[in-house]
Amino acid sequence: MNPESYVVERPNRAVLIVRMRSKPRADGRQLPDASFTFRYGDPQYDLWERRYWEQRQRREEELASR
């Protein structure tokens, strides 16, 4: 999955919010982004927590290279 297609937010230690960015449709309209919430213990929590830390590391590297 392309890291540019989603954003992972972590409002607290036990919850992750994943926002999947929508793409423009053929007619030019764009649907709202899809949002998913994962709580600690959910089957996909570990996967998205790992992606959260990867996303955070990429942002830190971008800021350091400026």
N, C-alpha and C. Protein backbone atom coordinates (compact mmCIF):
# COMPACT_ATOMS: atom_id res chain seq x y z
N MET A 1 0.83 -1.17 0.00
CA MET A 1 0.00 0.00 0.00
C MET A 1 0.88 1.24 0.00
N ASN A 2 0.55 2.16 -0.83
CA ASN A 2 1.31 3.40 -0.97
C ASN A 2 1.15 4.26 0.29
N PRO A 3 2.25 4.61 0.97
CA PRO A 3 2.15 5.43 2.18
C PRO A 3 1.52 6.81 1.95
N GLU A 4 1.49 7.26 0.71
CA GLU A 4 0.89 8.56 0.41
C GLU A 4 -0.64 8.47 0.36
N SER A 5 -1.19 7.25 0.37
CA SER A 5 -2.63 7.09 0.24
C SER A 5 -3.35 7.06 1.59
N TYR A 6 -2.61 7.15 2.68
CA TYR A 6 -3.25 7.13 4.00
C TYR A 6 -2.47 7.98 5.00
N VAL A 7 -3.16 8.35 6.07
CA VAL A 7 -2.55 9.05 7.19
C VAL A 7 -2.99 8.32 8.45
N VAL A 8 -2.04 8.05 9.33
CA VAL A 8 -2.36 7.39 10.59
C VAL A 8 -2.18 8.42 11.70
N GLU A 9 -3.21 8.59 12.52
CA GLU A 9 -3.17 9.50 13.65
C GLU A 9 -3.26 8.68 14.93
N ARG A 10 -2.65 9.20 15.98
CA ARG A 10 -2.67 8.49 17.26
C ARG A 10 -3.06 9.47 18.35
N PRO A 11 -4.37 9.64 18.60
CA PRO A 11 -4.81 10.59 19.60
C PRO A 11 -4.45 10.18 21.03
N ASN A 12 -4.29 8.88 21.27
CA ASN A 12 -3.78 8.38 22.54
C ASN A 12 -3.15 7.01 22.31
N ARG A 13 -2.60 6.43 23.34
CA ARG A 13 -1.81 5.21 23.16
C ARG A 13 -2.62 4.00 22.74
N ALA A 14 -3.92 4.00 22.99
CA ALA A 14 -4.72 2.81 22.74
C ALA A 14 -5.60 2.91 21.49
N VAL A 15 -5.51 4.02 20.76
CA VAL A 15 -6.39 4.22 19.60
C VAL A 15 -5.57 4.74 18.41
N LEU A 16 -5.87 4.20 17.23
CA LEU A 16 -5.30 4.70 15.98
C LEU A 16 -6.45 5.07 15.05
N ILE A 17 -6.32 6.20 14.38
CA ILE A 17 -7.28 6.61 13.36
C ILE A 17 -6.55 6.57 12.03
N VAL A 18 -7.10 5.84 11.08
CA VAL A 18 -6.51 5.72 9.75
C VAL A 18 -7.43 6.41 8.76
N ARG A 19 -6.90 7.38 8.04
CA ARG A 19 -7.66 8.10 7.02
C ARG A 19 -7.12 7.70 5.65
N MET A 20 -7.97 7.07 4.89
CA MET A 20 -7.61 6.66 3.53
C MET A 20 -8.04 7.77 2.59
N ARG A 21 -7.09 8.33 1.88
CA ARG A 21 -7.38 9.43 0.96
C ARG A 21 -8.12 8.91 -0.27
N SER A 22 -9.16 9.61 -0.66
CA SER A 22 -9.89 9.21 -1.86
C SER A 22 -9.23 9.81 -3.10
N LYS A 23 -9.44 9.17 -4.21
CA LYS A 23 -8.90 9.64 -5.48
C LYS A 23 -10.02 10.28 -6.29
N PRO A 24 -9.70 11.26 -7.10
CA PRO A 24 -10.74 11.84 -7.97
C PRO A 24 -11.31 10.77 -8.90
N ARG A 25 -12.60 10.83 -9.10
CA ARG A 25 -13.27 9.89 -9.99
C ARG A 25 -13.14 10.37 -11.43
N ALA A 26 -13.55 9.55 -12.36
CA ALA A 26 -13.45 9.88 -13.78
C ALA A 26 -14.22 11.15 -14.13
N ASP A 27 -15.32 11.40 -13.40
CA ASP A 27 -16.13 12.60 -13.69
C ASP A 27 -15.60 13.84 -12.96
N GLY A 28 -14.46 13.70 -12.26
CA GLY A 28 -13.84 14.84 -11.59
C GLY A 28 -14.26 15.01 -10.14
N ARG A 29 -15.31 14.33 -9.74
CA ARG A 29 -15.75 14.44 -8.34
C ARG A 29 -14.83 13.61 -7.45
N GLN A 30 -14.74 14.01 -6.21
CA GLN A 30 -13.93 13.26 -5.26
C GLN A 30 -14.78 12.96 -4.03
N LEU A 31 -14.80 11.71 -3.64
CA LEU A 31 -15.54 11.31 -2.46
C LEU A 31 -14.77 11.71 -1.21
N PRO A 32 -15.44 11.80 -0.07
CA PRO A 32 -14.72 12.09 1.18
C PRO A 32 -13.74 10.96 1.51
N ASP A 33 -12.74 11.29 2.28
CA ASP A 33 -11.80 10.27 2.73
C ASP A 33 -12.53 9.27 3.63
N ALA A 34 -12.06 8.04 3.63
CA ALA A 34 -12.61 7.02 4.52
C ALA A 34 -11.79 7.01 5.80
N SER A 35 -12.44 6.85 6.93
CA SER A 35 -11.76 6.83 8.23
C SER A 35 -12.07 5.52 8.95
N PHE A 36 -11.04 4.96 9.54
CA PHE A 36 -11.18 3.73 10.31
C PHE A 36 -10.52 3.92 11.66
N THR A 37 -11.09 3.34 12.69
CA THR A 37 -10.53 3.42 14.04
C THR A 37 -10.16 2.02 14.50
N PHE A 38 -8.96 1.91 15.06
CA PHE A 38 -8.50 0.64 15.60
C PHE A 38 -8.08 0.86 17.05
N ARG A 39 -8.55 -0.02 17.90
CA ARG A 39 -8.20 0.05 19.31
C ARG A 39 -7.22 -1.07 19.64
N TYR A 40 -6.43 -0.85 20.68
CA TYR A 40 -5.49 -1.87 21.12
C TYR A 40 -6.25 -3.18 21.32
N GLY A 41 -5.74 -4.25 20.72
CA GLY A 41 -6.39 -5.55 20.81
C GLY A 41 -7.12 -5.92 19.52
N ASP A 42 -7.44 -4.93 18.67
CA ASP A 42 -8.04 -5.23 17.37
C ASP A 42 -7.04 -5.99 16.52
N PRO A 43 -7.51 -6.89 15.66
CA PRO A 43 -6.60 -7.69 14.84
C PRO A 43 -5.64 -6.86 13.97
N GLN A 44 -6.07 -5.70 13.50
CA GLN A 44 -5.22 -4.90 12.62
C GLN A 44 -4.46 -3.79 13.35
N TYR A 45 -4.62 -3.70 14.66
CA TYR A 45 -3.97 -2.62 15.41
C TYR A 45 -2.46 -2.63 15.23
N ASP A 46 -1.82 -3.79 15.35
CA ASP A 46 -0.36 -3.88 15.25
C ASP A 46 0.14 -3.43 13.88
N LEU A 47 -0.57 -3.82 12.83
CA LEU A 47 -0.19 -3.42 11.48
C LEU A 47 -0.20 -1.90 11.35
N TRP A 48 -1.28 -1.26 11.79
CA TRP A 48 -1.40 0.19 11.64
C TRP A 48 -0.51 0.95 12.62
N GLU A 49 -0.22 0.37 13.77
CA GLU A 49 0.73 1.01 14.68
C GLU A 49 2.12 1.04 14.05
N ARG A 50 2.49 -0.07 13.41
CA ARG A 50 3.78 -0.13 12.71
C ARG A 50 3.83 0.93 11.61
N ARG A 51 2.75 1.07 10.85
CA ARG A 51 2.70 2.09 9.80
C ARG A 51 2.71 3.50 10.37
N TYR A 52 2.12 3.68 11.54
CA TYR A 52 2.17 4.98 12.21
C TYR A 52 3.62 5.36 12.49
N TRP A 53 4.39 4.44 13.06
CA TRP A 53 5.79 4.73 13.39
C TRP A 53 6.62 4.95 12.13
N GLU A 54 6.35 4.20 11.07
CA GLU A 54 7.05 4.41 9.79
C GLU A 54 6.74 5.80 9.24
N GLN A 55 5.47 6.19 9.30
CA GLN A 55 5.05 7.52 8.83
C GLN A 55 5.75 8.61 9.65
N ARG A 56 5.79 8.43 10.95
CA ARG A 56 6.42 9.41 11.82
C ARG A 56 7.91 9.54 11.52
N GLN A 57 8.57 8.41 11.27
CA GLN A 57 10.00 8.43 10.94
C GLN A 57 10.23 9.16 9.62
N ARG A 58 9.39 8.91 8.63
CA ARG A 58 9.53 9.60 7.34
C ARG A 58 9.40 11.11 7.52
N ARG A 59 8.45 11.55 8.33
CA ARG A 59 8.26 12.99 8.57
C ARG A 59 9.49 13.59 9.25
N GLU A 60 10.02 12.89 10.23
CA GLU A 60 11.21 13.38 10.93
C GLU A 60 12.40 13.48 9.98
N GLU A 61 12.56 12.51 9.09
CA GLU A 61 13.65 12.55 8.11
C GLU A 61 13.47 13.69 7.14
N GLU A 62 12.22 13.95 6.73
CA GLU A 62 11.95 15.09 5.83
C GLU A 62 12.34 16.40 6.51
N LEU A 63 11.96 16.55 7.76
CA LEU A 63 12.27 17.79 8.47
C LEU A 63 13.78 17.94 8.68
N ALA A 64 14.47 16.85 8.95
CA ALA A 64 15.92 16.90 9.16
C ALA A 64 16.68 17.25 7.88
N SER A 65 16.11 16.89 6.73
CA SER A 65 16.80 17.15 5.47
C SER A 65 16.58 18.58 4.95
N ARG A 66 15.75 19.33 5.59
CA ARG A 66 15.49 20.71 5.14
C ARG A 66 16.52 21.67 5.62
